[in-house]
Amino acid sequence: MLRVIFDTNIYGLLALEKDAAEIEEKIARDKEFMVYSYKPIRDELRAIPKVTKLSRGTRVMLLNIYDRITGNHLLEQSARITHIAKKYYDLYRQSGGAHGWNTSIRIDFMIIACASINGLDVVYSADSSTMLSKISIKAYHHINLKENLRTPNFLGFENLLKKFRNSL
């Protein structure tokens, strides 16, 4: 079984696809592909304004997609996740990273810490500027090695589409 978590941006990208409902259904039905829920991701979706550039009701639509895909597979927030995320951040900053802790990078690093601590296989993201930047990935690998954690693999949205558009 492949255990994964989607970065917040994946839900928005999925919603824009013409065959979003079909892909969502395939993801939710696939017993060998388990997508986990994590409160900070849901909180980011909840923070979307009620009226967005996309359309009215986008926030509710994305929350519904999120809930259907993740089901009841919830990963809990913990002090250890925050501790590891801050270690990532400290190394990221020491390596020249420019983003402050109280930006979206905090959630990005918490998602990776959560995935690492819980032994998830893949993090899907389309965020190459923070979560998947070279400096960030270096920080994950370095800290996870020190903490005896396995860094998940990183795949993009296009990999997700390829997997579920081509599935039976």
Protein backbone atom coordinates (compact mmCIF):
# COMPACT_ATOMS: atom_id res chain seq x y z
CA MET A 1 0.00 0.00 0.00
CA LEU A 2 1.23 3.47 -0.89
CA ARG A 3 0.71 5.91 2.00
CA VAL A 4 0.66 9.55 0.84
CA ILE A 5 -0.21 13.08 1.79
CA PHE A 6 -1.16 15.90 -0.58
CA ASP A 7 0.16 19.42 -0.11
CA THR A 8 -2.69 21.94 0.01
CA ASN A 9 -2.05 23.11 -3.57
CA ILE A 10 -2.85 19.66 -4.98
CA TYR A 11 -6.53 20.01 -4.03
CA GLY A 12 -6.82 23.33 -5.89
CA LEU A 13 -5.09 21.95 -8.96
CA LEU A 14 -7.30 18.88 -8.95
CA ALA A 15 -10.42 21.03 -8.80
CA LEU A 16 -9.36 22.80 -12.01
CA GLU A 17 -9.15 19.58 -14.04
CA LYS A 18 -12.01 18.90 -16.46
CA ASP A 19 -12.22 15.31 -15.22
CA ALA A 20 -11.70 16.18 -11.54
CA ALA A 21 -14.68 14.18 -10.28
CA GLU A 22 -13.51 11.03 -12.07
CA ILE A 23 -9.93 11.38 -10.80
CA GLU A 24 -11.14 12.11 -7.28
CA GLU A 25 -13.35 9.02 -7.33
CA LYS A 26 -10.46 6.82 -8.52
CA ILE A 27 -8.20 8.17 -5.77
CA ALA A 28 -10.84 7.61 -3.08
CA ARG A 29 -11.64 4.06 -4.30
CA ASP A 30 -8.02 2.89 -4.66
CA LYS A 31 -7.35 0.63 -1.67
CA GLU A 32 -3.62 0.56 -2.48
CA PHE A 33 -3.32 4.37 -2.39
CA MET A 34 -4.15 5.89 0.99
CA VAL A 35 -4.23 9.68 1.26
CA TYR A 36 -3.92 11.04 4.78
CA SER A 37 -5.59 14.04 6.33
CA TYR A 38 -3.59 16.46 8.48
CA LYS A 39 -5.25 19.36 10.30
CA PRO A 40 -2.87 22.14 9.13
CA ILE A 41 -3.73 21.26 5.50
CA ARG A 42 -7.45 21.37 6.21
CA ASP A 43 -6.95 24.66 8.07
CA GLU A 44 -5.25 26.15 4.98
CA LEU A 45 -8.22 25.10 2.87
CA ARG A 46 -10.62 26.58 5.42
CA ALA A 47 -8.69 29.87 5.27
CA ILE A 48 -9.53 30.33 1.57
CA PRO A 49 -11.86 33.33 1.24
CA LYS A 50 -15.52 32.47 0.65
CA VAL A 51 -15.35 34.30 -2.69
CA THR A 52 -12.16 33.66 -4.66
CA LYS A 53 -10.87 34.38 -8.14
CA LEU A 54 -11.96 30.89 -9.18
CA SER A 55 -15.62 31.12 -8.18
CA ARG A 56 -18.03 31.33 -5.31
CA GLY A 57 -18.02 28.22 -3.20
CA THR A 58 -14.43 27.26 -4.01
CA ARG A 59 -13.53 26.85 -0.34
CA VAL A 60 -16.43 24.48 0.34
CA MET A 61 -15.75 22.57 -2.89
CA LEU A 62 -12.07 22.07 -1.96
CA LEU A 63 -12.94 21.01 1.59
CA ASN A 64 -15.40 18.47 0.18
CA ILE A 65 -12.77 17.09 -2.22
CA TYR A 66 -10.30 16.91 0.67
CA ASP A 67 -12.76 15.06 2.92
CA ARG A 68 -13.77 12.57 0.23
CA ILE A 69 -10.17 11.78 -0.73
CA THR A 70 -8.77 11.49 2.79
CA GLY A 71 -11.78 9.78 4.38
CA ASN A 72 -11.07 9.07 8.01
CA HIS A 73 -7.30 8.61 7.63
CA LEU A 74 -6.16 11.35 10.01
CA LEU A 75 -2.61 12.06 11.14
CA GLU A 76 -2.49 13.92 14.44
CA GLN A 77 -0.47 17.04 15.10
CA SER A 78 2.18 16.65 17.80
CA ALA A 79 4.91 18.60 19.56
CA ARG A 80 7.45 16.30 17.87
CA ILE A 81 6.20 17.30 14.42
CA THR A 82 6.59 20.97 15.28
CA HIS A 83 10.04 20.31 16.78
CA ILE A 84 11.28 18.52 13.63
CA ALA A 85 9.72 21.19 11.38
CA LYS A 86 11.60 23.89 13.30
CA LYS A 87 14.83 21.93 12.87
CA TYR A 88 14.19 21.84 9.12
CA TYR A 89 13.56 25.57 9.22
CA ASP A 90 16.72 26.37 11.19
CA LEU A 91 18.87 24.46 8.70
CA TYR A 92 16.95 25.99 5.79
CA ARG A 93 17.72 29.50 7.12
CA GLN A 94 21.37 28.63 7.81
CA SER A 95 21.62 27.43 4.21
CA GLY A 96 20.35 30.73 2.82
CA GLY A 97 16.58 30.21 2.81
CA ALA A 98 14.74 33.52 2.72
CA HIS A 99 11.21 32.74 3.95
CA GLY A 100 10.20 33.51 7.53
CA TRP A 101 8.76 30.89 9.88
CA ASN A 102 5.34 32.53 10.02
CA THR A 103 4.75 32.14 6.29
CA SER A 104 3.46 29.17 4.32
CA ILE A 105 6.83 27.47 4.81
CA ARG A 106 5.86 26.64 8.40
CA ILE A 107 2.99 24.46 7.16
CA ASP A 108 5.18 23.00 4.39
CA PHE A 109 7.81 21.91 6.91
CA MET A 110 5.15 20.56 9.28
CA ILE A 111 3.67 18.47 6.44
CA ILE A 112 7.10 16.97 5.69
CA ALA A 113 7.81 16.38 9.39
CA CYS A 114 4.40 14.70 9.78
CA ALA A 115 5.03 12.53 6.71
CA SER A 116 8.53 11.60 7.92
CA ILE A 117 7.48 10.78 11.49
CA ASN A 118 4.54 8.71 10.27
CA GLY A 119 6.57 6.88 7.64
CA LEU A 120 4.56 8.02 4.64
CA ASP A 121 5.86 7.03 1.23
CA VAL A 122 5.10 10.10 -0.89
CA VAL A 123 4.28 13.78 -0.54
CA TYR A 124 2.55 15.19 -3.62
CA SER A 125 3.15 18.90 -4.14
CA ALA A 126 3.37 21.52 -6.85
CA ASP A 127 5.29 23.95 -4.64
CA SER A 128 8.80 24.22 -6.05
CA SER A 129 9.55 27.58 -4.41
CA THR A 130 9.32 26.51 -0.76
CA MET A 131 8.41 22.90 0.02
CA LEU A 132 10.36 21.39 -2.87
CA SER A 133 13.20 23.89 -3.15
CA LYS A 134 16.72 22.45 -3.18
CA ILE A 135 17.50 24.10 0.18
CA SER A 136 14.35 22.65 1.78
CA ILE A 137 14.95 19.14 0.47
CA LYS A 138 18.54 19.27 1.70
CA ALA A 139 17.25 20.27 5.15
CA TYR A 140 14.73 17.39 5.25
CA HIS A 141 17.35 14.80 4.32
CA HIS A 142 19.95 16.15 6.75
CA ILE A 143 17.63 16.45 9.76
CA ASN A 144 15.83 13.16 9.04
CA LEU A 145 19.16 11.35 8.88
CA LYS A 146 20.10 12.79 12.29
CA GLU A 147 16.66 11.94 13.70
CA ASN A 148 16.61 8.44 12.18
CA LEU A 149 13.57 9.26 10.03
CA ARG A 150 12.90 8.28 6.42
CA THR A 151 12.33 11.22 4.11
CA PRO A 152 9.31 10.61 1.88
CA ASN A 153 9.59 10.73 -1.89
CA PHE A 154 8.31 13.86 -3.61
CA LEU A 155 6.07 13.73 -6.66
CA GLY A 156 4.29 16.46 -8.57
CA PHE A 157 0.70 16.94 -9.60
CA GLU A 158 1.43 15.64 -13.10
CA ASN A 159 2.49 12.28 -11.58
CA LEU A 160 -0.83 12.07 -9.76
CA LEU A 161 -2.77 12.81 -12.95
CA LYS A 162 -0.77 10.24 -14.90
CA LYS A 163 -1.42 7.57 -12.28
CA PHE A 164 -5.17 8.11 -12.04
CA ARG A 165 -6.01 9.09 -15.60
CA ASN A 166 -4.36 5.90 -16.80
CA SER A 167 -5.81 3.61 -14.15
CA LEU A 168 -8.66 1.22 -14.81
